[in-house]
Amino acid sequence: MEDSASFLVAKCREEGERRDRRYKQSPDLPFAYYTFCQVRFPPSPKLVYYRTSGLKIEVGDRVLVPKGDQNIPTEGEVISARQYGTYNAPAPIEKTKEIIKKVVKRSWE
């Protein structure tokens, strides 16, 4: 009985370590909450994570984000927006680019 319990504990620990290796955050980061948004660039179905700090972003909003290696400002559509803690963020916090601004369409356009 004790052997099977130790085996299960070791197996769970191994699975957790394997999962955590994917997006391991820097141990120097203090615990905080971050808002991550998934942004889509039509016509491509690909979704990219971006962070926001201080902007009130909702699903369906149009945003201006840095895209690619050259950080070209590109307009995209927010597909999801959620808050995550430091240790359960969907992408590495230090490597995730931030939303530049929300794009507001004027009524006369």
Protein backbone atom coordinates (compact mmCIF):
# COMPACT_ATOMS: atom_id res chain seq x y z
CA MET A 1 0.00 0.00 0.00
CA GLU A 2 2.77 2.43 0.93
CA ASP A 3 4.67 1.66 -2.28
CA SER A 4 1.67 2.43 -4.48
CA ALA A 5 1.05 5.70 -2.61
CA SER A 6 4.69 6.78 -3.02
CA PHE A 7 4.52 5.80 -6.69
CA LEU A 8 1.40 7.96 -7.21
CA VAL A 9 2.96 10.93 -5.42
CA ALA A 10 6.12 10.63 -7.53
CA LYS A 11 4.06 10.30 -10.73
CA CYS A 12 1.97 13.40 -9.90
CA ARG A 13 5.10 15.38 -9.07
CA GLU A 14 6.69 14.31 -12.37
CA GLU A 15 3.59 15.32 -14.36
CA GLY A 16 3.47 18.70 -12.60
CA GLU A 17 7.14 19.37 -13.31
CA ARG A 18 6.69 18.44 -16.97
CA ARG A 19 3.70 20.79 -17.27
CA ASP A 20 5.47 23.61 -15.38
CA ARG A 21 8.55 23.40 -17.62
CA ARG A 22 6.47 24.63 -20.55
CA TYR A 23 5.91 28.14 -19.18
CA LYS A 24 8.26 28.40 -16.24
CA GLN A 25 8.16 31.92 -14.83
CA SER A 26 11.19 33.68 -13.41
CA PRO A 27 11.54 32.99 -9.67
CA ASP A 28 12.30 36.71 -9.19
CA LEU A 29 8.76 37.71 -10.22
CA PRO A 30 6.58 38.67 -7.25
CA PHE A 31 3.07 37.25 -7.20
CA ALA A 32 0.65 39.52 -9.04
CA TYR A 33 -2.35 39.31 -11.32
CA TYR A 34 -1.97 39.94 -15.05
CA THR A 35 -4.61 40.36 -17.74
CA PHE A 36 -3.87 38.24 -20.79
CA CYS A 37 -5.82 38.68 -24.02
CA GLN A 38 -5.93 36.37 -27.00
CA VAL A 39 -5.81 38.46 -30.16
CA ARG A 40 -6.69 37.35 -33.68
CA PHE A 41 -5.52 39.01 -36.88
CA PRO A 42 -8.12 38.38 -39.60
CA PRO A 43 -8.17 36.54 -41.93
CA SER A 44 -5.77 34.25 -40.02
CA PRO A 45 -7.39 32.01 -37.37
CA LYS A 46 -4.17 32.00 -35.29
CA LEU A 47 -4.49 33.43 -31.75
CA VAL A 48 -1.63 35.25 -30.01
CA TYR A 49 -1.41 36.15 -26.30
CA TYR A 50 -0.80 39.78 -25.29
CA ARG A 51 -0.80 41.41 -21.86
CA THR A 52 -2.50 44.61 -20.83
CA SER A 53 -1.91 46.82 -17.85
CA GLY A 54 -4.37 49.55 -17.04
CA LEU A 55 -6.45 49.29 -20.20
CA LYS A 56 -10.03 48.08 -19.88
CA ILE A 57 -10.18 45.50 -22.66
CA GLU A 58 -13.24 43.38 -23.44
CA VAL A 59 -13.94 40.56 -25.86
CA GLY A 60 -14.67 41.98 -29.32
CA ASP A 61 -12.56 45.12 -28.85
CA ARG A 62 -10.16 46.16 -31.60
CA VAL A 63 -6.62 46.73 -30.30
CA LEU A 64 -3.27 47.91 -31.64
CA VAL A 65 -0.47 45.47 -30.78
CA PRO A 66 3.21 44.99 -31.70
CA LYS A 67 3.40 42.07 -34.13
CA GLY A 68 6.35 40.00 -35.27
CA ASP A 69 10.07 40.35 -34.63
CA GLN A 70 10.02 43.97 -35.79
CA ASN A 71 7.07 44.88 -33.51
CA ILE A 72 5.05 46.42 -36.31
CA PRO A 73 1.88 48.04 -34.85
CA THR A 74 -1.00 45.91 -36.15
CA GLU A 75 -4.72 45.99 -35.49
CA GLY A 76 -6.33 42.83 -34.15
CA GLU A 77 -9.53 41.62 -32.46
CA VAL A 78 -9.67 40.46 -28.83
CA ILE A 79 -11.10 36.93 -28.66
CA SER A 80 -10.66 36.38 -24.91
CA ALA A 81 -9.52 38.41 -21.90
CA ARG A 82 -8.75 36.84 -18.51
CA GLN A 83 -6.76 37.52 -15.38
CA TYR A 84 -4.07 35.07 -14.31
CA GLY A 85 -1.73 34.90 -11.35
CA THR A 86 2.04 34.89 -11.77
CA TYR A 87 2.32 31.12 -11.60
CA ASN A 88 -0.60 30.08 -13.81
CA ALA A 89 -0.13 32.54 -16.68
CA PRO A 90 -0.78 31.00 -20.13
CA ALA A 91 2.51 32.36 -21.53
CA PRO A 92 5.82 33.60 -20.08
CA ILE A 93 5.11 37.00 -18.51
CA GLU A 94 8.46 38.60 -19.40
CA LYS A 95 8.24 37.50 -23.04
CA THR A 96 4.58 38.41 -23.66
CA LYS A 97 4.18 41.69 -25.53
CA GLU A 98 1.76 44.34 -24.27
CA ILE A 99 -1.25 45.84 -26.03
CA ILE A 100 -0.37 49.35 -27.23
CA LYS A 101 -3.89 50.79 -27.16
CA LYS A 102 -7.56 50.14 -27.76
CA VAL A 103 -8.75 51.19 -31.23
CA VAL A 104 -11.91 53.28 -31.03
CA LYS A 105 -14.05 53.57 -34.16
CA ARG A 106 -15.67 56.96 -34.54
CA SER A 107 -19.35 57.17 -35.44
CA TRP A 108 -18.67 59.03 -38.71
CA GLU A 109 -16.28 56.35 -40.02
